[in-house]
Amino acid sequence: MARDFAGWLSSRGWTVVTDSDVVDIVAEKDGHLVYVEVKAAGSAPGLDVDTAIGQLVRRMPSEPDRSVSFALVVRDEPRSV
């Protein structure tokens, strides 16, 4: 699923890094940076989402920065989160 979302970003002009140590995807376009955590259906959906949110929160700057965004990508199906 991360590969599909990275491809979608890339097709829209984003520069995409998928081998980041911090989150699943880091993408940049026109000076805007987005950190993306991708969660597929797992054995503990609620816990997986909590973990993903924590991973994103750790990347948030201490001061407001409109050039940085955060995204959580999940499957569009029942009980995926």
Protein backbone atom coordinates (compact mmCIF):
# COMPACT_ATOMS: atom_id res chain seq x y z
CA MET A 1 0.00 0.00 0.00
CA ALA A 2 2.88 2.38 0.73
CA ARG A 3 4.27 1.73 -2.74
CA ASP A 4 0.90 2.58 -4.32
CA PHE A 5 0.57 5.83 -2.37
CA ALA A 6 4.19 6.77 -3.14
CA GLY A 7 3.46 6.18 -6.83
CA TRP A 8 0.36 8.37 -6.60
CA LEU A 9 2.39 11.18 -5.02
CA SER A 10 5.14 10.80 -7.61
CA SER A 11 2.62 10.96 -10.47
CA ARG A 12 1.53 14.32 -9.12
CA GLY A 13 5.01 15.80 -9.12
CA TRP A 14 6.17 15.02 -5.60
CA THR A 15 9.74 13.86 -4.94
CA VAL A 16 9.28 10.73 -2.85
CA VAL A 17 11.60 8.93 -0.42
CA THR A 18 10.44 5.53 0.84
CA ASP A 19 13.57 4.37 2.65
CA SER A 20 13.24 6.90 5.46
CA ASP A 21 14.11 5.78 8.99
CA VAL A 22 11.41 7.98 10.50
CA VAL A 23 8.15 7.26 8.63
CA ASP A 24 7.01 5.20 5.64
CA ILE A 25 7.15 8.04 3.10
CA VAL A 26 8.69 11.51 3.02
CA ALA A 27 7.65 13.60 0.03
CA GLU A 28 8.58 17.11 -1.13
CA LYS A 29 7.08 19.43 -3.70
CA ASP A 30 7.55 23.16 -4.18
CA GLY A 31 9.17 23.58 -0.77
CA HIS A 32 6.38 21.68 1.00
CA LEU A 33 7.28 18.56 2.97
CA VAL A 34 4.86 15.79 3.94
CA TYR A 35 5.52 12.90 6.31
CA VAL A 36 3.32 9.88 5.60
CA GLU A 37 2.67 6.82 7.73
CA VAL A 38 0.88 3.93 5.99
CA LYS A 39 -1.04 1.26 7.87
CA ALA A 40 -2.58 -1.77 6.20
CA ALA A 41 -4.97 -4.08 8.02
CA GLY A 42 -3.18 -5.72 10.90
CA SER A 43 -3.88 -8.02 13.79
CA ALA A 44 -4.39 -5.08 16.18
CA PRO A 45 -5.88 -2.26 14.06
CA GLY A 46 -6.43 0.22 16.92
CA LEU A 47 -2.92 -0.27 18.24
CA ASP A 48 -1.44 0.04 14.74
CA VAL A 49 -3.16 3.39 14.23
CA ASP A 50 -2.07 4.62 17.67
CA THR A 51 1.51 3.69 16.78
CA ALA A 52 1.25 5.47 13.42
CA ILE A 53 -0.08 8.63 15.05
CA GLY A 54 2.77 8.54 17.54
CA GLN A 55 5.31 8.21 14.75
CA LEU A 56 3.84 11.28 13.04
CA VAL A 57 3.60 13.33 16.24
CA ARG A 58 7.32 12.80 16.89
CA ARG A 59 8.06 14.48 13.54
CA MET A 60 5.97 17.56 14.25
CA PRO A 61 8.02 20.74 14.68
CA SER A 62 7.85 22.51 18.04
CA GLU A 63 6.89 25.75 16.25
CA PRO A 64 4.12 26.08 13.64
CA ASP A 65 5.46 25.47 10.12
CA ARG A 66 3.04 25.69 7.19
CA SER A 67 5.60 24.03 4.90
CA VAL A 68 5.26 20.70 6.72
CA SER A 69 2.22 18.37 6.67
CA PHE A 70 1.46 14.94 8.05
CA ALA A 71 -0.68 12.15 6.61
CA LEU A 72 -1.95 8.80 7.79
CA VAL A 73 -2.93 6.45 4.96
CA VAL A 74 -5.23 3.51 5.73
CA ARG A 75 -7.24 1.04 3.67
CA ASP A 76 -10.79 2.05 2.80
CA GLU A 77 -12.45 -1.06 4.16
CA PRO A 78 -14.22 -2.06 7.39
CA ARG A 79 -12.04 -2.71 10.41
CA SER A 80 -8.86 -1.61 8.70
CA VAL A 81 -8.16 0.83 11.54
